[in-house]
Amino acid sequence: LLLSHLMNTNTPTILYTESTQFPTWIIPFPAVTICNMNLMSKTKVNIM
């Protein structure tokens, strides 16, 4: 019982699978960020 208590003290939390059939329409859609490889516009650079 003492060992069990020490284990609970060292690892007080646990993560386990609750469901593998959770509907995705309840989970918010992620952010989709699009970055151009081009860091400087040739047209804007010439104007500047």
ModelCIF file with pLDDT and N, C-alpha, C, O atoms, coordinates in Angstrom:
data_MODEL
#
_entry.id   MODEL 
#
_entity.id                         1 
_entity.type                       polymer 
_entity.pdbx_number_of_molecules   1 
#
_entity_poly.entity_id                      1 
_entity_poly.type                           'polypeptide(L)' 
_entity_poly.nstd_linkage                   no 
_entity_poly.nstd_monomer                   no 
_entity_poly.pdbx_seq_one_letter_code       LLLSHLMNTNTPTILYTESTQFPTWIIPFPAVTICNMNLMSKTKVNIM 
_entity_poly.pdbx_seq_one_letter_code_can   LLLSHLMNTNTPTILYTESTQFPTWIIPFPAVTICNMNLMSKTKVNIM 
_entity_poly.pdbx_strand_id                 A 
#
loop_
_entity_poly_seq.entity_id 
_entity_poly_seq.num 
_entity_poly_seq.mon_id 
_entity_poly_seq.hetero 
1 1  LEU n 
1 2  LEU n 
1 3  LEU n 
1 4  SER n 
1 5  HIS n 
1 6  LEU n 
1 7  MET n 
1 8  ASN n 
1 9  THR n 
1 10 ASN n 
1 11 THR n 
1 12 PRO n 
1 13 THR n 
1 14 ILE n 
1 15 LEU n 
1 16 TYR n 
1 17 THR n 
1 18 GLU n 
1 19 SER n 
1 20 THR n 
1 21 GLN n 
1 22 PHE n 
1 23 PRO n 
1 24 THR n 
1 25 TRP n 
1 26 ILE n 
1 27 ILE n 
1 28 PRO n 
1 29 PHE n 
1 30 PRO n 
1 31 ALA n 
1 32 VAL n 
1 33 THR n 
1 34 ILE n 
1 35 CYS n 
1 36 ASN n 
1 37 MET n 
1 38 ASN n 
1 39 LEU n 
1 40 MET n 
1 41 SER n 
1 42 LYS n 
1 43 THR n 
1 44 LYS n 
1 45 VAL n 
1 46 ASN n 
1 47 ILE n 
1 48 MET n 
#
_struct_asym.id          A 
_struct_asym.entity_id   1 
#
loop_
_ma_qa_metric.id 
_ma_qa_metric.mode 
_ma_qa_metric.name 
_ma_qa_metric.software_group_id 
_ma_qa_metric.type 
1 global pLDDT . pLDDT 
2 local  pLDDT . pLDDT 
#
_ma_qa_metric_global.metric_id      1 
_ma_qa_metric_global.metric_value   87.94 
_ma_qa_metric_global.model_id       1 
_ma_qa_metric_global.ordinal_id     1 
#
loop_
_ma_qa_metric_local.label_asym_id 
_ma_qa_metric_local.label_comp_id 
_ma_qa_metric_local.label_seq_id 
_ma_qa_metric_local.metric_id 
_ma_qa_metric_local.metric_value 
_ma_qa_metric_local.model_id 
_ma_qa_metric_local.ordinal_id 
A LEU 1  2 81.00 1 1  
A LEU 2  2 84.00 1 2  
A LEU 3  2 83.00 1 3  
A SER 4  2 79.00 1 4  
A HIS 5  2 78.00 1 5  
A LEU 6  2 79.00 1 6  
A MET 7  2 77.00 1 7  
A ASN 8  2 74.00 1 8  
A THR 9  2 73.00 1 9  
A ASN 10 2 74.00 1 10 
A THR 11 2 78.00 1 11 
A PRO 12 2 83.00 1 12 
A THR 13 2 86.00 1 13 
A ILE 14 2 86.00 1 14 
A LEU 15 2 88.00 1 15 
A TYR 16 2 88.00 1 16 
A THR 17 2 92.00 1 17 
A GLU 18 2 92.00 1 18 
A SER 19 2 92.00 1 19 
A THR 20 2 92.00 1 20 
A GLN 21 2 91.00 1 21 
A PHE 22 2 93.00 1 22 
A PRO 23 2 93.00 1 23 
A THR 24 2 92.00 1 24 
A TRP 25 2 91.00 1 25 
A ILE 26 2 92.00 1 26 
A ILE 27 2 93.00 1 27 
A PRO 28 2 93.00 1 28 
A PHE 29 2 94.00 1 29 
A PRO 30 2 93.00 1 30 
A ALA 31 2 92.00 1 31 
A VAL 32 2 94.00 1 32 
A THR 33 2 93.00 1 33 
A ILE 34 2 93.00 1 34 
A CYS 35 2 91.00 1 35 
A ASN 36 2 91.00 1 36 
A MET 37 2 90.00 1 37 
A ASN 38 2 90.00 1 38 
A LEU 39 2 89.00 1 39 
A MET 40 2 90.00 1 40 
A SER 41 2 90.00 1 41 
A LYS 42 2 91.00 1 42 
A THR 43 2 91.00 1 43 
A LYS 44 2 91.00 1 44 
A VAL 45 2 91.00 1 45 
A ASN 46 2 91.00 1 46 
A ILE 47 2 90.00 1 47 
A MET 48 2 89.00 1 48 
#
loop_
_atom_site.group_PDB 
_atom_site.id 
_atom_site.type_symbol 
_atom_site.label_atom_id 
_atom_site.label_alt_id 
_atom_site.label_comp_id 
_atom_site.label_asym_id 
_atom_site.label_entity_id 
_atom_site.label_seq_id 
_atom_site.pdbx_PDB_ins_code 
_atom_site.Cartn_x 
_atom_site.Cartn_y 
_atom_site.Cartn_z 
_atom_site.occupancy 
_atom_site.B_iso_or_equiv 
_atom_site.pdbx_formal_charge 
_atom_site.auth_seq_id 
_atom_site.auth_comp_id 
_atom_site.auth_asym_id 
_atom_site.auth_atom_id 
_atom_site.pdbx_PDB_model_num 
ATOM 1   N N  . LEU A 1 1  ? 0.833   -1.211 0.000   1.00 81.00 ? 1  LEU A N  1 
ATOM 2   C CA . LEU A 1 1  ? 0.000   0.000  0.000   1.00 81.00 ? 1  LEU A CA 1 
ATOM 3   C C  . LEU A 1 1  ? 0.861   1.252  0.000   1.00 81.00 ? 1  LEU A C  1 
ATOM 4   O O  . LEU A 1 1  ? 0.511   2.243  -0.641  1.00 81.00 ? 1  LEU A O  1 
ATOM 5   N N  . LEU A 1 2  ? 1.993   1.221  0.717   1.00 84.00 ? 2  LEU A N  1 
ATOM 6   C CA . LEU A 1 2  ? 2.921   2.350  0.724   1.00 84.00 ? 2  LEU A CA 1 
ATOM 7   C C  . LEU A 1 2  ? 3.523   2.553  -0.662  1.00 84.00 ? 2  LEU A C  1 
ATOM 8   O O  . LEU A 1 2  ? 3.643   3.690  -1.119  1.00 84.00 ? 2  LEU A O  1 
ATOM 9   N N  . LEU A 1 3  ? 3.903   1.468  -1.340  1.00 83.00 ? 3  LEU A N  1 
ATOM 10  C CA . LEU A 1 3  ? 4.424   1.581  -2.698  1.00 83.00 ? 3  LEU A CA 1 
ATOM 11  C C  . LEU A 1 3  ? 3.383   2.173  -3.644  1.00 83.00 ? 3  LEU A C  1 
ATOM 12  O O  . LEU A 1 3  ? 3.710   3.001  -4.495  1.00 83.00 ? 3  LEU A O  1 
ATOM 13  N N  . SER A 1 4  ? 2.134   1.749  -3.495  1.00 79.00 ? 4  SER A N  1 
ATOM 14  C CA . SER A 1 4  ? 1.064   2.297  -4.326  1.00 79.00 ? 4  SER A CA 1 
ATOM 15  C C  . SER A 1 4  ? 0.904   3.798  -4.104  1.00 79.00 ? 4  SER A C  1 
ATOM 16  O O  . SER A 1 4  ? 0.675   4.552  -5.049  1.00 79.00 ? 4  SER A O  1 
ATOM 17  N N  . HIS A 1 5  ? 1.026   4.221  -2.861  1.00 78.00 ? 5  HIS A N  1 
ATOM 18  C CA . HIS A 1 5  ? 0.928   5.649  -2.559  1.00 78.00 ? 5  HIS A CA 1 
ATOM 19  C C  . HIS A 1 5  ? 2.087   6.425  -3.172  1.00 78.00 ? 5  HIS A C  1 
ATOM 20  O O  . HIS A 1 5  ? 1.891   7.525  -3.689  1.00 78.00 ? 5  HIS A O  1 
ATOM 21  N N  . LEU A 1 6  ? 3.287   5.866  -3.120  1.00 79.00 ? 6  LEU A N  1 
ATOM 22  C CA . LEU A 1 6  ? 4.448   6.542  -3.705  1.00 79.00 ? 6  LEU A CA 1 
ATOM 23  C C  . LEU A 1 6  ? 4.317   6.636  -5.224  1.00 79.00 ? 6  LEU A C  1 
ATOM 24  O O  . LEU A 1 6  ? 4.708   7.641  -5.817  1.00 79.00 ? 6  LEU A O  1 
ATOM 25  N N  . MET A 1 7  ? 3.774   5.605  -5.853  1.00 77.00 ? 7  MET A N  1 
ATOM 26  C CA . MET A 1 7  ? 3.545   5.670  -7.297  1.00 77.00 ? 7  MET A CA 1 
ATOM 27  C C  . MET A 1 7  ? 2.540   6.751  -7.643  1.00 77.00 ? 7  MET A C  1 
ATOM 28  O O  . MET A 1 7  ? 2.705   7.459  -8.637  1.00 77.00 ? 7  MET A O  1 
ATOM 29  N N  . ASN A 1 8  ? 1.525   6.882  -6.854  1.00 74.00 ? 8  ASN A N  1 
ATOM 30  C CA . ASN A 1 8  ? 0.531   7.928  -7.077  1.00 74.00 ? 8  ASN A CA 1 
ATOM 31  C C  . ASN A 1 8  ? 1.143   9.311  -6.895  1.00 74.00 ? 8  ASN A C  1 
ATOM 32  O O  . ASN A 1 8  ? 0.751   10.256 -7.580  1.00 74.00 ? 8  ASN A O  1 
ATOM 33  N N  . THR A 1 9  ? 2.095   9.439  -5.981  1.00 73.00 ? 9  THR A N  1 
ATOM 34  C CA . THR A 1 9  ? 2.747   10.719 -5.757  1.00 73.00 ? 9  THR A CA 1 
ATOM 35  C C  . THR A 1 9  ? 3.663   11.085 -6.912  1.00 73.00 ? 9  THR A C  1 
ATOM 36  O O  . THR A 1 9  ? 3.708   12.245 -7.321  1.00 73.00 ? 9  THR A O  1 
ATOM 37  N N  . ASN A 1 10 ? 4.400   10.105 -7.447  1.00 74.00 ? 10 ASN A N  1 
ATOM 38  C CA . ASN A 1 10 ? 5.342   10.365 -8.536  1.00 74.00 ? 10 ASN A CA 1 
ATOM 39  C C  . ASN A 1 10 ? 4.633   10.588 -9.865  1.00 74.00 ? 10 ASN A C  1 
ATOM 40  O O  . ASN A 1 10 ? 5.061   11.430 -10.653 1.00 74.00 ? 10 ASN A O  1 
ATOM 41  N N  . THR A 1 11 ? 3.574   9.861  -10.125 1.00 78.00 ? 11 THR A N  1 
ATOM 42  C CA . THR A 1 11 ? 2.803   10.019 -11.365 1.00 78.00 ? 11 THR A CA 1 
ATOM 43  C C  . THR A 1 11 ? 1.343   10.252 -11.010 1.00 78.00 ? 11 THR A C  1 
ATOM 44  O O  . THR A 1 11 ? 0.536   9.324  -11.067 1.00 78.00 ? 11 THR A O  1 
ATOM 45  N N  . PRO A 1 12 ? 0.995   11.480 -10.644 1.00 83.00 ? 12 PRO A N  1 
ATOM 46  C CA . PRO A 1 12 ? -0.373  11.732 -10.168 1.00 83.00 ? 12 PRO A CA 1 
ATOM 47  C C  . PRO A 1 12 ? -1.427  11.752 -11.272 1.00 83.00 ? 12 PRO A C  1 
ATOM 48  O O  . PRO A 1 12 ? -2.621  11.705 -10.976 1.00 83.00 ? 12 PRO A O  1 
ATOM 49  N N  . THR A 1 13 ? -1.011  11.822 -12.545 1.00 86.00 ? 13 THR A N  1 
ATOM 50  C CA . THR A 1 13 ? -1.984  11.897 -13.636 1.00 86.00 ? 13 THR A CA 1 
ATOM 51  C C  . THR A 1 13 ? -1.782  10.737 -14.603 1.00 86.00 ? 13 THR A C  1 
ATOM 52  O O  . THR A 1 13 ? -0.729  10.100 -14.624 1.00 86.00 ? 13 THR A O  1 
ATOM 53  N N  . ILE A 1 14 ? -2.807  10.478 -15.397 1.00 86.00 ? 14 ILE A N  1 
ATOM 54  C CA . ILE A 1 14 ? -2.771  9.400  -16.379 1.00 86.00 ? 14 ILE A CA 1 
ATOM 55  C C  . ILE A 1 14 ? -3.583  9.829  -17.597 1.00 86.00 ? 14 ILE A C  1 
ATOM 56  O O  . ILE A 1 14 ? -4.608  10.500 -17.471 1.00 86.00 ? 14 ILE A O  1 
ATOM 57  N N  . LEU A 1 15 ? -3.114  9.435  -18.769 1.00 88.00 ? 15 LEU A N  1 
ATOM 58  C CA . LEU A 1 15 ? -3.785  9.743  -20.031 1.00 88.00 ? 15 LEU A CA 1 
ATOM 59  C C  . LEU A 1 15 ? -4.139  8.440  -20.721 1.00 88.00 ? 15 LEU A C  1 
ATOM 60  O O  . LEU A 1 15 ? -3.269  7.607  -20.973 1.00 88.00 ? 15 LEU A O  1 
ATOM 61  N N  . TYR A 1 16 ? -5.403  8.267  -21.022 1.00 88.00 ? 16 TYR A N  1 
ATOM 62  C CA . TYR A 1 16 ? -5.813  7.034  -21.670 1.00 88.00 ? 16 TYR A CA 1 
ATOM 63  C C  . TYR A 1 16 ? -6.900  7.332  -22.711 1.00 88.00 ? 16 TYR A C  1 
ATOM 64  O O  . TYR A 1 16 ? -7.527  8.391  -22.698 1.00 88.00 ? 16 TYR A O  1 
ATOM 65  N N  . THR A 1 17 ? -7.098  6.382  -23.593 1.00 92.00 ? 17 THR A N  1 
ATOM 66  C CA . THR A 1 17 ? -8.060  6.547  -24.692 1.00 92.00 ? 17 THR A CA 1 
ATOM 67  C C  . THR A 1 17 ? -9.485  6.365  -24.173 1.00 92.00 ? 17 THR A C  1 
ATOM 68  O O  . THR A 1 17 ? -9.836  5.319  -23.627 1.00 92.00 ? 17 THR A O  1 
ATOM 69  N N  . GLU A 1 18 ? -10.284 7.390  -24.354 1.00 92.00 ? 18 GLU A N  1 
ATOM 70  C CA . GLU A 1 18 ? -11.686 7.332  -23.946 1.00 92.00 ? 18 GLU A CA 1 
ATOM 71  C C  . GLU A 1 18 ? -12.565 6.801  -25.058 1.00 92.00 ? 18 GLU A C  1 
ATOM 72  O O  . GLU A 1 18 ? -13.503 6.043  -24.813 1.00 92.00 ? 18 GLU A O  1 
ATOM 73  N N  . SER A 1 19 ? -12.253 7.208  -26.302 1.00 92.00 ? 19 SER A N  1 
ATOM 74  C CA . SER A 1 19 ? -13.065 6.764  -27.439 1.00 92.00 ? 19 SER A CA 1 
ATOM 75  C C  . SER A 1 19 ? -12.246 6.885  -28.711 1.00 92.00 ? 19 SER A C  1 
ATOM 76  O O  . SER A 1 19 ? -11.441 7.804  -28.861 1.00 92.00 ? 19 SER A O  1 
ATOM 77  N N  . THR A 1 20 ? -12.458 5.950  -29.620 1.00 92.00 ? 20 THR A N  1 
ATOM 78  C CA . THR A 1 20 ? -11.866 6.034  -30.957 1.00 92.00 ? 20 THR A CA 1 
ATOM 79  C C  . THR A 1 20 ? -12.919 6.365  -32.011 1.00 92.00 ? 20 THR A C  1 
ATOM 80  O O  . THR A 1 20 ? -12.622 6.378  -33.206 1.00 92.00 ? 20 THR A O  1 
ATOM 81  N N  . GLN A 1 21 ? -14.142 6.630  -31.574 1.00 91.00 ? 21 GLN A N  1 
ATOM 82  C CA . GLN A 1 21 ? -15.247 6.949  -32.472 1.00 91.00 ? 21 GLN A CA 1 
ATOM 83  C C  . GLN A 1 21 ? -15.850 8.300  -32.119 1.00 91.00 ? 21 GLN A C  1 
ATOM 84  O O  . GLN A 1 21 ? -17.064 8.485  -32.199 1.00 91.00 ? 21 GLN A O  1 
ATOM 85  N N  . PHE A 1 22 ? -15.001 9.241  -31.729 1.00 93.00 ? 22 PHE A N  1 
ATOM 86  C CA . PHE A 1 22 ? -15.491 10.574 -31.390 1.00 93.00 ? 22 PHE A CA 1 
ATOM 87  C C  . PHE A 1 22 ? -15.731 11.354 -32.677 1.00 93.00 ? 22 PHE A C  1 
ATOM 88  O O  . PHE A 1 22 ? -14.835 11.408 -33.520 1.00 93.00 ? 22 PHE A O  1 
ATOM 89  N N  . PRO A 1 23 ? -16.900 11.960 -32.864 1.00 93.00 ? 23 PRO A N  1 
ATOM 90  C CA . PRO A 1 23 ? -17.222 12.631 -34.140 1.00 93.00 ? 23 PRO A CA 1 
ATOM 91  C C  . PRO A 1 23 ? -16.348 13.858 -34.373 1.00 93.00 ? 23 PRO A C  1 
ATOM 92  O O  . PRO A 1 23 ? -16.154 14.676 -33.474 1.00 93.00 ? 23 PRO A O  1 
ATOM 93  N N  . THR A 1 24 ? -15.827 13.977 -35.587 1.00 92.00 ? 24 THR A N  1 
ATOM 94  C CA . THR A 1 24 ? -14.936 15.089 -35.911 1.00 92.00 ? 24 THR A CA 1 
ATOM 95  C C  . THR A 1 24 ? -15.676 16.413 -36.052 1.00 92.00 ? 24 THR A C  1 
ATOM 96  O O  . THR A 1 24 ? -15.060 17.474 -35.953 1.00 92.00 ? 24 THR A O  1 
ATOM 97  N N  . TRP A 1 25 ? -16.986 16.370 -36.280 1.00 91.00 ? 25 TRP A N  1 
ATOM 98  C CA . TRP A 1 25 ? -17.700 17.645 -36.436 1.00 91.00 ? 25 TRP A CA 1 
ATOM 99  C C  . TRP A 1 25 ? -17.841 18.408 -35.115 1.00 91.00 ? 25 TRP A C  1 
ATOM 100 O O  . TRP A 1 25 ? -18.301 19.550 -35.096 1.00 91.00 ? 25 TRP A O  1 
ATOM 101 N N  . ILE A 1 26 ? -17.448 17.777 -34.029 1.00 92.00 ? 26 ILE A N  1 
ATOM 102 C CA . ILE A 1 26 ? -17.440 18.486 -32.738 1.00 92.00 ? 26 ILE A CA 1 
ATOM 103 C C  . ILE A 1 26 ? -16.091 19.161 -32.498 1.00 92.00 ? 26 ILE A C  1 
ATOM 104 O O  . ILE A 1 26 ? -15.995 20.087 -31.693 1.00 92.00 ? 26 ILE A O  1 
ATOM 105 N N  . ILE A 1 27 ? -15.051 18.701 -33.191 1.00 93.00 ? 27 ILE A N  1 
ATOM 106 C CA . ILE A 1 27 ? -13.707 19.258 -33.025 1.00 93.00 ? 27 ILE A CA 1 
ATOM 107 C C  . ILE A 1 27 ? -13.537 20.429 -33.993 1.00 93.00 ? 27 ILE A C  1 
ATOM 108 O O  . ILE A 1 27 ? -13.818 20.273 -35.181 1.00 93.00 ? 27 ILE A O  1 
ATOM 109 N N  . PRO A 1 28 ? -13.084 21.601 -33.523 1.00 93.00 ? 28 PRO A N  1 
ATOM 110 C CA . PRO A 1 28 ? -12.902 22.749 -34.435 1.00 93.00 ? 28 PRO A CA 1 
ATOM 111 C C  . PRO A 1 28 ? -11.889 22.447 -35.530 1.00 93.00 ? 28 PRO A C  1 
ATOM 112 O O  . PRO A 1 28 ? -10.903 21.744 -35.310 1.00 93.00 ? 28 PRO A O  1 
ATOM 113 N N  . PHE A 1 29 ? -12.151 22.987 -36.705 1.00 94.00 ? 29 PHE A N  1 
ATOM 114 C CA . PHE A 1 29 ? -11.222 22.842 -37.825 1.00 94.00 ? 29 PHE A CA 1 
ATOM 115 C C  . PHE A 1 29 ? -9.964  23.653 -37.524 1.00 94.00 ? 29 PHE A C  1 
ATOM 116 O O  . PHE A 1 29 ? -10.063 24.752 -36.979 1.00 94.00 ? 29 PHE A O  1 
ATOM 117 N N  . PRO A 1 30 ? -8.784  23.134 -37.867 1.00 93.00 ? 30 PRO A N  1 
ATOM 118 C CA . PRO A 1 30 ? -7.549  23.869 -37.534 1.00 93.00 ? 30 PRO A CA 1 
ATOM 119 C C  . PRO A 1 30 ? -7.355  25.090 -38.410 1.00 93.00 ? 30 PRO A C  1 
ATOM 120 O O  . PRO A 1 30 ? -8.060  25.278 -39.402 1.00 93.00 ? 30 PRO A O  1 
ATOM 121 N N  . ALA A 1 31 ? -6.395  25.912 -38.035 1.00 92.00 ? 31 ALA A N  1 
ATOM 122 C CA . ALA A 1 31 ? -6.000  27.048 -38.858 1.00 92.00 ? 31 ALA A CA 1 
ATOM 123 C C  . ALA A 1 31 ? -5.068  26.564 -39.966 1.00 92.00 ? 31 ALA A C  1 
ATOM 124 O O  . ALA A 1 31 ? -4.134  25.805 -39.710 1.00 92.00 ? 31 ALA A O  1 
ATOM 125 N N  . VAL A 1 32 ? -5.323  27.002 -41.186 1.00 94.00 ? 32 VAL A N  1 
ATOM 126 C CA . VAL A 1 32 ? -4.488  26.658 -42.346 1.00 94.00 ? 32 VAL A CA 1 
ATOM 127 C C  . VAL A 1 32 ? -3.755  27.930 -42.762 1.00 94.00 ? 32 VAL A C  1 
ATOM 128 O O  . VAL A 1 32 ? -4.370  28.872 -43.262 1.00 94.00 ? 32 VAL A O  1 
ATOM 129 N N  . THR A 1 33 ? -2.455  27.953 -42.557 1.00 93.00 ? 33 THR A N  1 
ATOM 130 C CA . THR A 1 33 ? -1.637  29.128 -42.841 1.00 93.00 ? 33 THR A CA 1 
ATOM 131 C C  . THR A 1 33 ? -0.774  28.860 -44.064 1.00 93.00 ? 33 THR A C  1 
ATOM 132 O O  . THR A 1 33 ? -0.056  27.863 -44.124 1.00 93.00 ? 33 THR A O  1 
ATOM 133 N N  . ILE A 1 34 ? -0.852  29.759 -45.035 1.00 93.00 ? 34 ILE A N  1 
ATOM 134 C CA . ILE A 1 34 ? -0.119  29.626 -46.296 1.00 93.00 ? 34 ILE A CA 1 
ATOM 135 C C  . ILE A 1 34 ? 0.914   30.752 -46.367 1.00 93.00 ? 34 ILE A C  1 
ATOM 136 O O  . ILE A 1 34 ? 0.566   31.932 -46.323 1.00 93.00 ? 34 ILE A O  1 
ATOM 137 N N  . CYS A 1 35 ? 2.179   30.372 -46.475 1.00 91.00 ? 35 CYS A N  1 
ATOM 138 C CA . CYS A 1 35 ? 3.269   31.340 -46.562 1.00 91.00 ? 35 CYS A CA 1 
ATOM 139 C C  . CYS A 1 35 ? 3.978   31.173 -47.898 1.00 91.00 ? 35 CYS A C  1 
ATOM 140 O O  . CYS A 1 35 ? 4.308   30.062 -48.312 1.00 91.00 ? 35 CYS A O  1 
ATOM 141 N N  . ASN A 1 36 ? 4.201   32.286 -48.553 1.00 91.00 ? 36 ASN A N  1 
ATOM 142 C CA . ASN A 1 36 ? 4.881   32.280 -49.839 1.00 91.00 ? 36 ASN A CA 1 
ATOM 143 C C  . ASN A 1 36 ? 6.382   32.115 -49.627 1.00 91.00 ? 36 ASN A C  1 
ATOM 144 O O  . ASN A 1 36 ? 6.967   32.755 -48.754 1.00 91.00 ? 36 ASN A O  1 
ATOM 145 N N  . MET A 1 37 ? 7.004   31.248 -50.438 1.00 90.00 ? 37 MET A N  1 
ATOM 146 C CA . MET A 1 37 ? 8.455   31.119 -50.378 1.00 90.00 ? 37 MET A CA 1 
ATOM 147 C C  . MET A 1 37 ? 9.150   32.418 -50.765 1.00 90.00 ? 37 MET A C  1 
ATOM 148 O O  . MET A 1 37 ? 10.270  32.691 -50.333 1.00 90.00 ? 37 MET A O  1 
ATOM 149 N N  . ASN A 1 38 ? 8.469   33.214 -51.586 1.00 90.00 ? 38 ASN A N  1 
ATOM 150 C CA . ASN A 1 38 ? 9.011   34.491 -52.006 1.00 90.00 ? 38 ASN A CA 1 
ATOM 151 C C  . ASN A 1 38 ? 8.872   35.503 -50.874 1.00 90.00 ? 38 ASN A C  1 
ATOM 152 O O  . ASN A 1 38 ? 7.756   35.853 -50.490 1.00 90.00 ? 38 ASN A O  1 
ATOM 153 N N  . LEU A 1 39 ? 9.979   35.967 -50.344 1.00 89.00 ? 39 LEU A N  1 
ATOM 154 C CA . LEU A 1 39 ? 9.958   36.893 -49.223 1.00 89.00 ? 39 LEU A CA 1 
ATOM 155 C C  . LEU A 1 39 ? 9.808   38.343 -49.664 1.00 89.00 ? 39 LEU A C  1 
ATOM 156 O O  . LEU A 1 39 ? 9.381   39.188 -48.878 1.00 89.00 ? 39 LEU A O  1 
ATOM 157 N N  . MET A 1 40 ? 10.157  38.639 -50.920 1.00 90.00 ? 40 MET A N  1 
ATOM 158 C CA . MET A 1 40 ? 10.073  40.004 -51.428 1.00 90.00 ? 40 MET A CA 1 
ATOM 159 C C  . MET A 1 40 ? 9.487   39.988 -52.824 1.00 90.00 ? 40 MET A C  1 
ATOM 160 O O  . MET A 1 40 ? 9.895   39.199 -53.677 1.00 90.00 ? 40 MET A O  1 
ATOM 161 N N  . SER A 1 41 ? 8.534   40.862 -53.045 1.00 90.00 ? 41 SER A N  1 
ATOM 162 C CA . SER A 1 41 ? 7.919   40.981 -54.361 1.00 90.00 ? 41 SER A CA 1 
ATOM 163 C C  . SER A 1 41 ? 8.809   41.819 -55.271 1.00 90.00 ? 41 SER A C  1 
ATOM 164 O O  . SER A 1 41 ? 9.226   42.917 -54.904 1.00 90.00 ? 41 SER A O  1 
ATOM 165 N N  . LYS A 1 42 ? 9.100   41.289 -56.471 1.00 91.00 ? 42 LYS A N  1 
ATOM 166 C CA . LYS A 1 42 ? 9.973   42.016 -57.402 1.00 91.00 ? 42 LYS A CA 1 
ATOM 167 C C  . LYS A 1 42 ? 9.338   43.346 -57.790 1.00 91.00 ? 42 LYS A C  1 
ATOM 168 O O  . LYS A 1 42 ? 10.028  44.360 -57.893 1.00 91.00 ? 42 LYS A O  1 
ATOM 169 N N  . THR A 1 43 ? 8.033   43.342 -58.003 1.00 91.00 ? 43 THR A N  1 
ATOM 170 C CA . THR A 1 43 ? 7.344   44.580 -58.384 1.00 91.00 ? 43 THR A CA 1 
ATOM 171 C C  . THR A 1 43 ? 7.425   45.617 -57.278 1.00 91.00 ? 43 THR A C  1 
ATOM 172 O O  . THR A 1 43 ? 7.727   46.782 -57.538 1.00 91.00 ? 43 THR A O  1 
ATOM 173 N N  . LYS A 1 44 ? 7.160   45.207 -56.056 1.00 91.00 ? 44 LYS A N  1 
ATOM 174 C CA . LYS A 1 44 ? 7.195   46.143 -54.929 1.00 91.00 ? 44 LYS A CA 1 
ATOM 175 C C  . LYS A 1 44 ? 8.608   46.622 -54.645 1.00 91.00 ? 44 LYS A C  1 
ATOM 176 O O  . LYS A 1 44 ? 8.813   47.780 -54.279 1.00 91.00 ? 44 LYS A O  1 
ATOM 177 N N  . VAL A 1 45 ? 9.580   45.738 -54.811 1.00 91.00 ? 45 VAL A N  1 
ATOM 178 C CA . VAL A 1 45 ? 10.979  46.137 -54.593 1.00 91.00 ? 45 VAL A CA 1 
ATOM 179 C C  . VAL A 1 45 ? 11.385  47.207 -55.600 1.00 91.00 ? 45 VAL A C  1 
ATOM 180 O O  . VAL A 1 45 ? 12.051  48.172 -55.226 1.00 91.00 ? 45 VAL A O  1 
ATOM 181 N N  . ASN A 1 46 ? 11.006  47.064 -56.857 1.00 91.00 ? 46 ASN A N  1 
ATOM 182 C CA . ASN A 1 46 ? 11.339  48.067 -57.877 1.00 91.00 ? 46 ASN A CA 1 
ATOM 183 C C  . ASN A 1 46 ? 10.663  49.400 -57.581 1.00 91.00 ? 46 ASN A C  1 
ATOM 184 O O  . ASN A 1 46 ? 11.272  50.459 -57.735 1.00 91.00 ? 46 ASN A O  1 
ATOM 185 N N  . ILE A 1 47 ? 9.392   49.343 -57.151 1.00 90.00 ? 47 ILE A N  1 
ATOM 186 C CA . ILE A 1 47 ? 8.680   50.590 -56.827 1.00 90.00 ? 47 ILE A CA 1 
ATOM 187 C C  . ILE A 1 47 ? 9.341   51.280 -55.645 1.00 90.00 ? 47 ILE A C  1 
ATOM 188 O O  . ILE A 1 47 ? 9.508   52.499 -55.659 1.00 90.00 ? 47 ILE A O  1 
ATOM 189 N N  . MET A 1 48 ? 9.721   50.518 -54.618 1.00 89.00 ? 48 MET A N  1 
ATOM 190 C CA . MET A 1 48 ? 10.357  51.104 -53.446 1.00 89.00 ? 48 MET A CA 1 
ATOM 191 C C  . MET A 1 48 ? 11.749  51.637 -53.783 1.00 89.00 ? 48 MET A C  1 
ATOM 192 O O  . MET A 1 48 ? 12.435  52.167 -52.910 1.00 89.00 ? 48 MET A O  1 
#
